[in-house]
Amino acid sequence: MEQDKPTPPSTPPTILLGLGLWFISLVWWFFYYAQYGGAFGLIGLKLACIAWPTTECLFFQQQIRGPLPRYIPAFWYAGMLAFAAGLWQIWRDRQK
């Protein structure tokens, strides 16, 4: 007779939401800044633009005249908040 193994706790939806928002933010960031200098051109300077505007990011935004809306890190920060809330839920459940 097979013993029932305890099922691992499910991932809180807030973690999945946070990961989804991060993914959306990364895709938007990548395709927006790929309009200036190509997809991987100046990637070292563009990488910082994921979370905060630097002077380089502002320069790139002034030069880009593409069809995509200007990238803002709103989804990035919303993803961080949702992911942190999910981690808090996991921590709270383990305290019980």
PDB file of N, CA and C in Angstrom:
ATOM      1  N   MET A   1       0.844  -1.179   0.000  1.00  0.00           N
ATOM      2  CA  MET A   1       0.000   0.000   0.000  1.00  0.00           C
ATOM      3  C   MET A   1       0.889   1.243   0.000  1.00  0.00           C
ATOM      4  N   GLU A   2       0.602   2.107  -0.910  1.00  0.00           N
ATOM      5  CA  GLU A   2       1.409   3.324  -1.037  1.00  0.00           C
ATOM      6  C   GLU A   2       0.952   4.348  -0.020  1.00  0.00           C
ATOM      7  N   GLN A   3       1.942   4.922   0.663  1.00  0.00           N
ATOM      8  CA  GLN A   3       1.613   5.940   1.656  1.00  0.00           C
ATOM      9  C   GLN A   3       1.396   7.274   0.958  1.00  0.00           C
ATOM     10  N   ASP A   4       0.464   8.028   1.474  1.00  0.00           N
ATOM     11  CA  ASP A   4       0.200   9.353   0.926  1.00  0.00           C
ATOM     12  C   ASP A   4       1.307  10.308   1.344  1.00  0.00           C
ATOM     13  N   LYS A   5       1.938  10.880   0.357  1.00  0.00           N
ATOM     14  CA  LYS A   5       2.961  11.879   0.649  1.00  0.00           C
ATOM     15  C   LYS A   5       2.272  13.224   0.838  1.00  0.00           C
ATOM     16  N   PRO A   6       2.781  14.006   1.772  1.00  0.00           N
ATOM     17  CA  PRO A   6       2.173  15.331   1.925  1.00  0.00           C
ATOM     18  C   PRO A   6       2.444  16.167   0.677  1.00  0.00           C
ATOM     19  N   THR A   7       1.410  16.837   0.246  1.00  0.00           N
ATOM     20  CA  THR A   7       1.573  17.671  -0.944  1.00  0.00           C
ATOM     21  C   THR A   7       2.293  18.962  -0.556  1.00  0.00           C
ATOM     22  N   PRO A   8       3.218  19.383  -1.370  1.00  0.00           N
ATOM     23  CA  PRO A   8       3.905  20.646  -1.058  1.00  0.00           C
ATOM     24  C   PRO A   8       2.932  21.809  -1.177  1.00  0.00           C
ATOM     25  N   PRO A   9       3.163  22.852  -0.415  1.00  0.00           N
ATOM     26  CA  PRO A   9       2.255  23.999  -0.501  1.00  0.00           C
ATOM     27  C   PRO A   9       2.292  24.606  -1.897  1.00  0.00           C
ATOM     28  N   SER A  10       1.155  25.070  -2.333  1.00  0.00           N
ATOM     29  CA  SER A  10       1.088  25.667  -3.666  1.00  0.00           C
ATOM     30  C   SER A  10       1.722  27.062  -3.643  1.00  0.00           C
ATOM     31  N   THR A  11       2.156  27.480  -4.796  1.00  0.00           N
ATOM     32  CA  THR A  11       2.748  28.811  -4.937  1.00  0.00           C
ATOM     33  C   THR A  11       1.645  29.853  -4.843  1.00  0.00           C
ATOM     34  N   PRO A  12       1.820  30.839  -3.986  1.00  0.00           N
ATOM     35  CA  PRO A  12       0.790  31.879  -3.892  1.00  0.00           C
ATOM     36  C   PRO A  12       0.620  32.598  -5.229  1.00  0.00           C
ATOM     37  N   PRO A  13      -0.605  32.941  -5.581  1.00  0.00           N
ATOM     38  CA  PRO A  13      -0.855  33.646  -6.841  1.00  0.00           C
ATOM     39  C   PRO A  13      -0.107  34.971  -6.942  1.00  0.00           C
ATOM     40  N   THR A  14       0.189  35.586  -5.808  1.00  0.00           N
ATOM     41  CA  THR A  14       0.903  36.861  -5.873  1.00  0.00           C
ATOM     42  C   THR A  14       2.328  36.684  -6.410  1.00  0.00           C
ATOM     43  N   ILE A  15       2.946  35.548  -6.127  1.00  0.00           N
ATOM     44  CA  ILE A  15       4.283  35.291  -6.687  1.00  0.00           C
ATOM     45  C   ILE A  15       4.174  35.127  -8.198  1.00  0.00           C
ATOM     46  N   LEU A  16       3.180  34.393  -8.640  1.00  0.00           N
ATOM     47  CA  LEU A  16       2.989  34.217 -10.077  1.00  0.00           C
ATOM     48  C   LEU A  16       2.668  35.549 -10.757  1.00  0.00           C
ATOM     49  N   LEU A  17       1.870  36.369 -10.099  1.00  0.00           N
ATOM     50  CA  LEU A  17       1.569  37.703 -10.624  1.00  0.00           C
ATOM     51  C   LEU A  17       2.840  38.536 -10.720  1.00  0.00           C
ATOM     52  N   GLY A  18       3.648  38.501  -9.672  1.00  0.00           N
ATOM     53  CA  GLY A  18       4.900  39.248  -9.685  1.00  0.00           C
ATOM     54  C   GLY A  18       5.821  38.801 -10.804  1.00  0.00           C
ATOM     55  N   LEU A  19       5.957  37.497 -10.997  1.00  0.00           N
ATOM     56  CA  LEU A  19       6.794  36.986 -12.082  1.00  0.00           C
ATOM     57  C   LEU A  19       6.237  37.393 -13.445  1.00  0.00           C
ATOM     58  N   GLY A  20       4.921  37.358 -13.579  1.00  0.00           N
ATOM     59  CA  GLY A  20       4.292  37.768 -14.834  1.00  0.00           C
ATOM     60  C   GLY A  20       4.527  39.238 -15.137  1.00  0.00           C
ATOM     61  N   LEU A  21       4.412  40.077 -14.117  1.00  0.00           N
ATOM     62  CA  LEU A  21       4.653  41.510 -14.312  1.00  0.00           C
ATOM     63  C   LEU A  21       6.111  41.785 -14.654  1.00  0.00           C
ATOM     64  N   TRP A  22       7.025  41.053 -14.018  1.00  0.00           N
ATOM     65  CA  TRP A  22       8.442  41.198 -14.360  1.00  0.00           C
ATOM     66  C   TRP A  22       8.685  40.792 -15.809  1.00  0.00           C
ATOM     67  N   PHE A  23       8.053  39.711 -16.228  1.00  0.00           N
ATOM     68  CA  PHE A  23       8.226  39.251 -17.608  1.00  0.00           C
ATOM     69  C   PHE A  23       7.727  40.303 -18.598  1.00  0.00           C
ATOM     70  N   ILE A  24       6.542  40.852 -18.332  1.00  0.00           N
ATOM     71  CA  ILE A  24       5.996  41.905 -19.195  1.00  0.00           C
ATOM     72  C   ILE A  24       6.944  43.094 -19.235  1.00  0.00           C
ATOM     73  N   SER A  25       7.455  43.478 -18.071  1.00  0.00           N
ATOM     74  CA  SER A  25       8.367  44.606 -18.000  1.00  0.00           C
ATOM     75  C   SER A  25       9.642  44.342 -18.779  1.00  0.00           C
ATOM     76  N   LEU A  26      10.206  43.153 -18.655  1.00  0.00           N
ATOM     77  CA  LEU A  26      11.439  42.819 -19.381  1.00  0.00           C
ATOM     78  C   LEU A  26      11.229  42.817 -20.888  1.00  0.00           C
ATOM     79  N   VAL A  27      10.105  42.271 -21.331  1.00  0.00           N
ATOM     80  CA  VAL A  27       9.829  42.237 -22.770  1.00  0.00           C
ATOM     81  C   VAL A  27       9.645  43.652 -23.302  1.00  0.00           C
ATOM     82  N   TRP A  28       8.879  44.459 -22.590  1.00  0.00           N
ATOM     83  CA  TRP A  28       8.652  45.848 -23.005  1.00  0.00           C
ATOM     84  C   TRP A  28       9.973  46.608 -23.036  1.00  0.00           C
ATOM     85  N   TRP A  29      10.765  46.480 -21.955  1.00  0.00           N
ATOM     86  CA  TRP A  29      12.063  47.150 -21.893  1.00  0.00           C
ATOM     87  C   TRP A  29      12.941  46.717 -23.063  1.00  0.00           C
ATOM     88  N   PHE A  30      13.045  45.433 -23.311  1.00  0.00           N
ATOM     89  CA  PHE A  30      13.931  44.919 -24.349  1.00  0.00           C
ATOM     90  C   PHE A  30      13.554  45.465 -25.723  1.00  0.00           C
ATOM     91  N   PHE A  31      12.278  45.343 -26.073  1.00  0.00           N
ATOM     92  CA  PHE A  31      11.865  45.779 -27.404  1.00  0.00           C
ATOM     93  C   PHE A  31      11.872  47.301 -27.550  1.00  0.00           C
ATOM     94  N   TYR A  32      11.598  48.033 -26.476  1.00  0.00           N
ATOM     95  CA  TYR A  32      11.643  49.488 -26.558  1.00  0.00           C
ATOM     96  C   TYR A  32      13.073  49.964 -26.790  1.00  0.00           C
ATOM     97  N   TYR A  33      13.999  49.510 -25.962  1.00  0.00           N
ATOM     98  CA  TYR A  33      15.379  49.985 -26.089  1.00  0.00           C
ATOM     99  C   TYR A  33      16.124  49.334 -27.248  1.00  0.00           C
ATOM    100  N   ALA A  34      15.602  48.252 -27.799  1.00  0.00           N
ATOM    101  CA  ALA A  34      16.213  47.655 -28.991  1.00  0.00           C
ATOM    102  C   ALA A  34      16.067  48.581 -30.199  1.00  0.00           C
ATOM    103  N   GLN A  35      15.166  49.534 -30.102  1.00  0.00           N
ATOM    104  CA  GLN A  35      14.968  50.489 -31.193  1.00  0.00           C
ATOM    105  C   GLN A  35      16.140  51.461 -31.320  1.00  0.00           C
ATOM    106  N   TYR A  36      16.991  51.518 -30.309  1.00  0.00           N
ATOM    107  CA  TYR A  36      18.170  52.394 -30.360  1.00  0.00           C
ATOM    108  C   TYR A  36      19.425  51.522 -30.305  1.00  0.00           C
ATOM    109  N   GLY A  37      20.131  51.442 -31.373  1.00  0.00           N
ATOM    110  CA  GLY A  37      21.389  50.710 -31.399  1.00  0.00           C
ATOM    111  C   GLY A  37      21.263  49.207 -31.511  1.00  0.00           C
ATOM    112  N   GLY A  38      20.098  48.707 -31.812  1.00  0.00           N
ATOM    113  CA  GLY A  38      19.918  47.268 -31.949  1.00  0.00           C
ATOM    114  C   GLY A  38      19.594  46.593 -30.623  1.00  0.00           C
ATOM    115  N   ALA A  39      19.269  45.327 -30.717  1.00  0.00           N
ATOM    116  CA  ALA A  39      18.815  44.581 -29.545  1.00  0.00           C
ATOM    117  C   ALA A  39      19.865  44.521 -28.438  1.00  0.00           C
ATOM    118  N   PHE A  40      21.117  44.279 -28.806  1.00  0.00           N
ATOM    119  CA  PHE A  40      22.147  44.127 -27.779  1.00  0.00           C
ATOM    120  C   PHE A  40      23.208  45.222 -27.840  1.00  0.00           C
ATOM    121  N   GLY A  41      23.000  46.225 -28.667  1.00  0.00           N
ATOM    122  CA  GLY A  41      23.918  47.353 -28.710  1.00  0.00           C
ATOM    123  C   GLY A  41      23.767  48.198 -27.453  1.00  0.00           C
ATOM    124  N   LEU A  42      24.868  48.540 -26.839  1.00  0.00           N
ATOM    125  CA  LEU A  42      24.899  49.335 -25.605  1.00  0.00           C
ATOM    126  C   LEU A  42      24.103  48.695 -24.474  1.00  0.00           C
ATOM    127  N   ILE A  43      24.066  47.375 -24.440  1.00  0.00           N
ATOM    128  CA  ILE A  43      23.241  46.666 -23.449  1.00  0.00           C
ATOM    129  C   ILE A  43      23.670  47.004 -22.020  1.00  0.00           C
ATOM    130  N   GLY A  44      24.951  47.263 -21.816  1.00  0.00           N
ATOM    131  CA  GLY A  44      25.416  47.625 -20.479  1.00  0.00           C
ATOM    132  C   GLY A  44      24.787  48.907 -19.968  1.00  0.00           C
ATOM    133  N   LEU A  45      24.574  49.864 -20.864  1.00  0.00           N
ATOM    134  CA  LEU A  45      23.930  51.121 -20.473  1.00  0.00           C
ATOM    135  C   LEU A  45      22.421  50.969 -20.371  1.00  0.00           C
ATOM    136  N   LYS A  46      21.864  50.157 -21.249  1.00  0.00           N
ATOM    137  CA  LYS A  46      20.408  49.980 -21.276  1.00  0.00           C
ATOM    138  C   LYS A  46      19.901  49.140 -20.109  1.00  0.00           C
ATOM    139  N   LEU A  47      20.745  48.289 -19.557  1.00  0.00           N
ATOM    140  CA  LEU A  47      20.331  47.379 -18.494  1.00  0.00           C
ATOM    141  C   LEU A  47      19.809  48.129 -17.270  1.00  0.00           C
ATOM    142  N   ALA A  48      20.439  49.237 -16.937  1.00  0.00           N
ATOM    143  CA  ALA A  48      19.998  50.021 -15.778  1.00  0.00           C
ATOM    144  C   ALA A  48      18.607  50.597 -15.981  1.00  0.00           C
ATOM    145  N   CYS A  49      18.190  50.748 -17.234  1.00  0.00           N
ATOM    146  CA  CYS A  49      16.894  51.366 -17.535  1.00  0.00           C
ATOM    147  C   CYS A  49      15.711  50.477 -17.141  1.00  0.00           C
ATOM    148  N   ILE A  50      15.962  49.231 -16.790  1.00  0.00           N
ATOM    149  CA  ILE A  50      14.871  48.345 -16.371  1.00  0.00           C
ATOM    150  C   ILE A  50      14.181  48.897 -15.134  1.00  0.00           C
ATOM    151  N   ALA A  51      14.953  49.393 -14.178  1.00  0.00           N
ATOM    152  CA  ALA A  51      14.370  49.772 -12.903  1.00  0.00           C
ATOM    153  C   ALA A  51      14.371  51.269 -12.609  1.00  0.00           C
ATOM    154  N   TRP A  52      15.305  52.021 -13.175  1.00  0.00           N
ATOM    155  CA  TRP A  52      15.335  53.453 -12.883  1.00  0.00           C
ATOM    156  C   TRP A  52      15.922  54.224 -14.060  1.00  0.00           C
ATOM    157  N   PRO A  53      15.498  55.462 -14.224  1.00  0.00           N
ATOM    158  CA  PRO A  53      16.022  56.248 -15.353  1.00  0.00           C
ATOM    159  C   PRO A  53      17.380  56.854 -15.021  1.00  0.00           C
ATOM    160  N   THR A  54      18.330  56.593 -15.860  1.00  0.00           N
ATOM    161  CA  THR A  54      19.634  57.242 -15.758  1.00  0.00           C
ATOM    162  C   THR A  54      19.692  58.316 -16.839  1.00  0.00           C
ATOM    163  N   THR A  55      20.748  59.073 -16.855  1.00  0.00           N
ATOM    164  CA  THR A  55      20.870  60.088 -17.902  1.00  0.00           C
ATOM    165  C   THR A  55      20.964  59.426 -19.276  1.00  0.00           C
ATOM    166  N   GLU A  56      21.600  58.240 -19.331  1.00  0.00           N
ATOM    167  CA  GLU A  56      21.664  57.517 -20.601  1.00  0.00           C
ATOM    168  C   GLU A  56      20.270  57.088 -21.053  1.00  0.00           C
ATOM    169  N   CYS A  57      19.458  56.622 -20.114  1.00  0.00           N
ATOM    170  CA  CYS A  57      18.096  56.199 -20.460  1.00  0.00           C
ATOM    171  C   CYS A  57      17.297  57.367 -21.022  1.00  0.00           C
ATOM    172  N   LEU A  58      17.429  58.517 -20.383  1.00  0.00           N
ATOM    173  CA  LEU A  58      16.717  59.697 -20.867  1.00  0.00           C
ATOM    174  C   LEU A  58      17.205  60.093 -22.257  1.00  0.00           C
ATOM    175  N   PHE A  59      18.507  59.969 -22.494  1.00  0.00           N
ATOM    176  CA  PHE A  59      19.041  60.258 -23.820  1.00  0.00           C
ATOM    177  C   PHE A  59      18.461  59.294 -24.853  1.00  0.00           C
ATOM    178  N   PHE A  60      18.460  58.000 -24.539  1.00  0.00           N
ATOM    179  CA  PHE A  60      17.913  57.012 -25.466  1.00  0.00           C
ATOM    180  C   PHE A  60      16.450  57.313 -25.767  1.00  0.00           C
ATOM    181  N   GLN A  61      15.683  57.649 -24.730  1.00  0.00           N
ATOM    182  CA  GLN A  61      14.264  57.926 -24.926  1.00  0.00           C
ATOM    183  C   GLN A  61      14.049  59.143 -25.824  1.00  0.00           C
ATOM    184  N   GLN A  62      14.909  60.135 -25.722  1.00  0.00           N
ATOM    185  CA  GLN A  62      14.783  61.312 -26.581  1.00  0.00           C
ATOM    186  C   GLN A  62      15.077  60.974 -28.037  1.00  0.00           C
ATOM    187  N   GLN A  63      15.910  59.963 -28.268  1.00  0.00           N
ATOM    188  CA  GLN A  63      16.297  59.593 -29.625  1.00  0.00           C
ATOM    189  C   GLN A  63      15.344  58.596 -30.277  1.00  0.00           C
ATOM    190  N   ILE A  64      14.627  57.828 -29.483  1.00  0.00           N
ATOM    191  CA  ILE A  64      13.765  56.771 -30.024  1.00  0.00           C
ATOM    192  C   ILE A  64      12.473  57.380 -30.550  1.00  0.00           C
ATOM    193  N   ARG A  65      12.153  57.048 -31.787  1.00  0.00           N
ATOM    194  CA  ARG A  65      10.910  57.511 -32.420  1.00  0.00           C
ATOM    195  C   ARG A  65      10.142  56.319 -32.976  1.00  0.00           C
ATOM    196  N   GLY A  66      10.099  55.255 -32.225  1.00  0.00           N
ATOM    197  CA  GLY A  66       9.472  54.027 -32.702  1.00  0.00           C
ATOM    198  C   GLY A  66       8.009  53.940 -32.331  1.00  0.00           C
ATOM    199  N   PRO A  67       7.364  52.844 -32.725  1.00  0.00           N
ATOM    200  CA  PRO A  67       5.936  52.665 -32.487  1.00  0.00           C
ATOM    201  C   PRO A  67       5.587  52.248 -31.056  1.00  0.00           C
ATOM    202  N   LEU A  68       6.554  51.770 -30.287  1.00  0.00           N
ATOM    203  CA  LEU A  68       6.255  51.315 -28.931  1.00  0.00           C
ATOM    204  C   LEU A  68       6.133  52.497 -27.983  1.00  0.00           C
ATOM    205  N   PRO A  69       5.234  52.391 -27.000  1.00  0.00           N
ATOM    206  CA  PRO A  69       5.145  53.466 -26.017  1.00  0.00           C
ATOM    207  C   PRO A  69       6.419  53.519 -25.171  1.00  0.00           C
ATOM    208  N   ARG A  70       6.736  54.689 -24.675  1.00  0.00           N
ATOM    209  CA  ARG A  70       7.943  54.889 -23.869  1.00  0.00           C
ATOM    210  C   ARG A  70       7.924  53.949 -22.666  1.00  0.00           C
ATOM    211  N   TYR A  71       9.037  53.294 -22.431  1.00  0.00           N
ATOM    212  CA  TYR A  71       9.151  52.361 -21.304  1.00  0.00           C
ATOM    213  C   TYR A  71       9.201  53.128 -19.990  1.00  0.00           C
ATOM    214  N   ILE A  72       8.379  52.691 -19.055  1.00  0.00           N
ATOM    215  CA  ILE A  72       8.445  53.177 -17.679  1.00  0.00           C
ATOM    216  C   ILE A  72       8.455  51.936 -16.784  1.00  0.00           C
ATOM    217  N   PRO A  73       9.170  51.972 -15.680  1.00  0.00           N
ATOM    218  CA  PRO A  73       9.315  50.758 -14.871  1.00  0.00           C
ATOM    219  C   PRO A  73       8.141  50.460 -13.941  1.00  0.00           C
ATOM    220  N   ALA A  74       6.947  50.891 -14.276  1.00  0.00           N
ATOM    221  CA  ALA A  74       5.793  50.662 -13.404  1.00  0.00           C
ATOM    222  C   ALA A  74       5.511  49.175 -13.200  1.00  0.00           C
ATOM    223  N   PHE A  75       5.559  48.390 -14.277  1.00  0.00           N
ATOM    224  CA  PHE A  75       5.316  46.955 -14.147  1.00  0.00           C
ATOM    225  C   PHE A  75       6.434  46.285 -13.343  1.00  0.00           C
ATOM    226  N   TRP A  76       7.639  46.802 -13.467  1.00  0.00           N
ATOM    227  CA  TRP A  76       8.772  46.252 -12.718  1.00  0.00           C
ATOM    228  C   TRP A  76       8.528  46.394 -11.221  1.00  0.00           C
ATOM    229  N   TYR A  77       8.143  47.604 -10.799  1.00  0.00           N
ATOM    230  CA  TYR A  77       7.905  47.841  -9.377  1.00  0.00           C
ATOM    231  C   TYR A  77       6.652  47.129  -8.879  1.00  0.00           C
ATOM    232  N   ALA A  78       5.621  47.072  -9.704  1.00  0.00           N
ATOM    233  CA  ALA A  78       4.415  46.318  -9.314  1.00  0.00           C
ATOM    234  C   ALA A  78       4.757  44.842  -9.151  1.00  0.00           C
ATOM    235  N   GLY A  79       5.594  44.323 -10.026  1.00  0.00           N
ATOM    236  CA  GLY A  79       6.038  42.936  -9.904  1.00  0.00           C
ATOM    237  C   GLY A  79       6.826  42.709  -8.630  1.00  0.00           C
ATOM    238  N   MET A  80       7.672  43.677  -8.268  1.00  0.00           N
ATOM    239  CA  MET A  80       8.438  43.556  -7.026  1.00  0.00           C
ATOM    240  C   MET A  80       7.510  43.509  -5.816  1.00  0.00           C
ATOM    241  N   LEU A  81       6.504  44.369  -5.814  1.00  0.00           N
ATOM    242  CA  LEU A  81       5.560  44.388  -4.694  1.00  0.00           C
ATOM    243  C   LEU A  81       4.768  43.089  -4.606  1.00  0.00           C
ATOM    244  N   ALA A  82       4.287  42.605  -5.748  1.00  0.00           N
ATOM    245  CA  ALA A  82       3.516  41.365  -5.749  1.00  0.00           C
ATOM    246  C   ALA A  82       4.387  40.189  -5.319  1.00  0.00           C
ATOM    247  N   PHE A  83       5.618  40.121  -5.811  1.00  0.00           N
ATOM    248  CA  PHE A  83       6.516  39.039  -5.449  1.00  0.00           C
ATOM    249  C   PHE A  83       6.832  39.087  -3.952  1.00  0.00           C
ATOM    250  N   ALA A  84       7.084  40.273  -3.421  1.00  0.00           N
ATOM    251  CA  ALA A  84       7.351  40.416  -1.992  1.00  0.00           C
ATOM    252  C   ALA A  84       6.140  40.007  -1.163  1.00  0.00           C
ATOM    253  N   ALA A  85       4.948  40.350  -1.620  1.00  0.00           N
ATOM    254  CA  ALA A  85       3.736  39.932  -0.909  1.00  0.00           C
ATOM    255  C   ALA A  85       3.612  38.410  -0.919  1.00  0.00           C
ATOM    256  N   GLY A  86       3.961  37.780  -2.036  1.00  0.00           N
ATOM    257  CA  GLY A  86       3.930  36.322  -2.109  1.00  0.00           C
ATOM    258  C   GLY A  86       4.937  35.682  -1.173  1.00  0.00           C
ATOM    259  N   LEU A  87       6.133  36.256  -1.090  1.00  0.00           N
ATOM    260  CA  LEU A  87       7.130  35.733  -0.148  1.00  0.00           C
ATOM    261  C   LEU A  87       6.658  35.890   1.286  1.00  0.00           C
ATOM    262  N   TRP A  88       6.018  37.013   1.572  1.00  0.00           N
ATOM    263  CA  TRP A  88       5.465  37.216   2.916  1.00  0.00           C
ATOM    264  C   TRP A  88       4.395  36.171   3.214  1.00  0.00           C
ATOM    265  N   GLN A  89       3.548  35.835   2.231  1.00  0.00           N
ATOM    266  CA  GLN A  89       2.523  34.810   2.435  1.00  0.00           C
ATOM    267  C   GLN A  89       3.153  33.450   2.738  1.00  0.00           C
ATOM    268  N   ILE A  90       4.217  33.119   2.014  1.00  0.00           N
ATOM    269  CA  ILE A  90       4.907  31.851   2.272  1.00  0.00           C
ATOM    270  C   ILE A  90       5.501  31.855   3.672  1.00  0.00           C
ATOM    271  N   TRP A  91       6.158  32.934   4.042  1.00  0.00           N
ATOM    272  CA  TRP A  91       6.751  33.034   5.372  1.00  0.00           C
ATOM    273  C   TRP A  91       5.688  32.918   6.459  1.00  0.00           C
ATOM    274  N   ARG A  92       4.551  33.587   6.255  1.00  0.00           N
ATOM    275  CA  ARG A  92       3.465  33.550   7.234  1.00  0.00           C
ATOM    276  C   ARG A  92       2.905  32.148   7.370  1.00  0.00           C
ATOM    277  N   ASP A  93       2.754  31.433   6.233  1.00  0.00           N
ATOM    278  CA  ASP A  93       2.219  30.071   6.279  1.00  0.00           C
ATOM    279  C   ASP A  93       3.175  29.108   6.985  1.00  0.00           C
ATOM    280  N   ARG A  94       4.456  29.332   6.846  1.00  0.00           N
ATOM    281  CA  ARG A  94       5.432  28.455   7.508  1.00  0.00           C
ATOM    282  C   ARG A  94       5.500  28.706   8.998  1.00  0.00           C
ATOM    283  N   GLN A  95       5.054  29.860   9.452  1.00  0.00           N
ATOM    284  CA  GLN A  95       5.052  30.168  10.882  1.00  0.00           C
ATOM    285  C   GLN A  95       3.918  29.466  11.617  1.00  0.00           C
ATOM    286  N   LYS A  96       2.941  28.988  10.888  1.00  0.00           N
ATOM    287  CA  LYS A  96       1.778  28.347  11.527  1.00  0.00           C
ATOM    288  C   LYS A  96       2.131  26.992  12.051  1.00  0.00           C
TER     289      LYS A  96
END
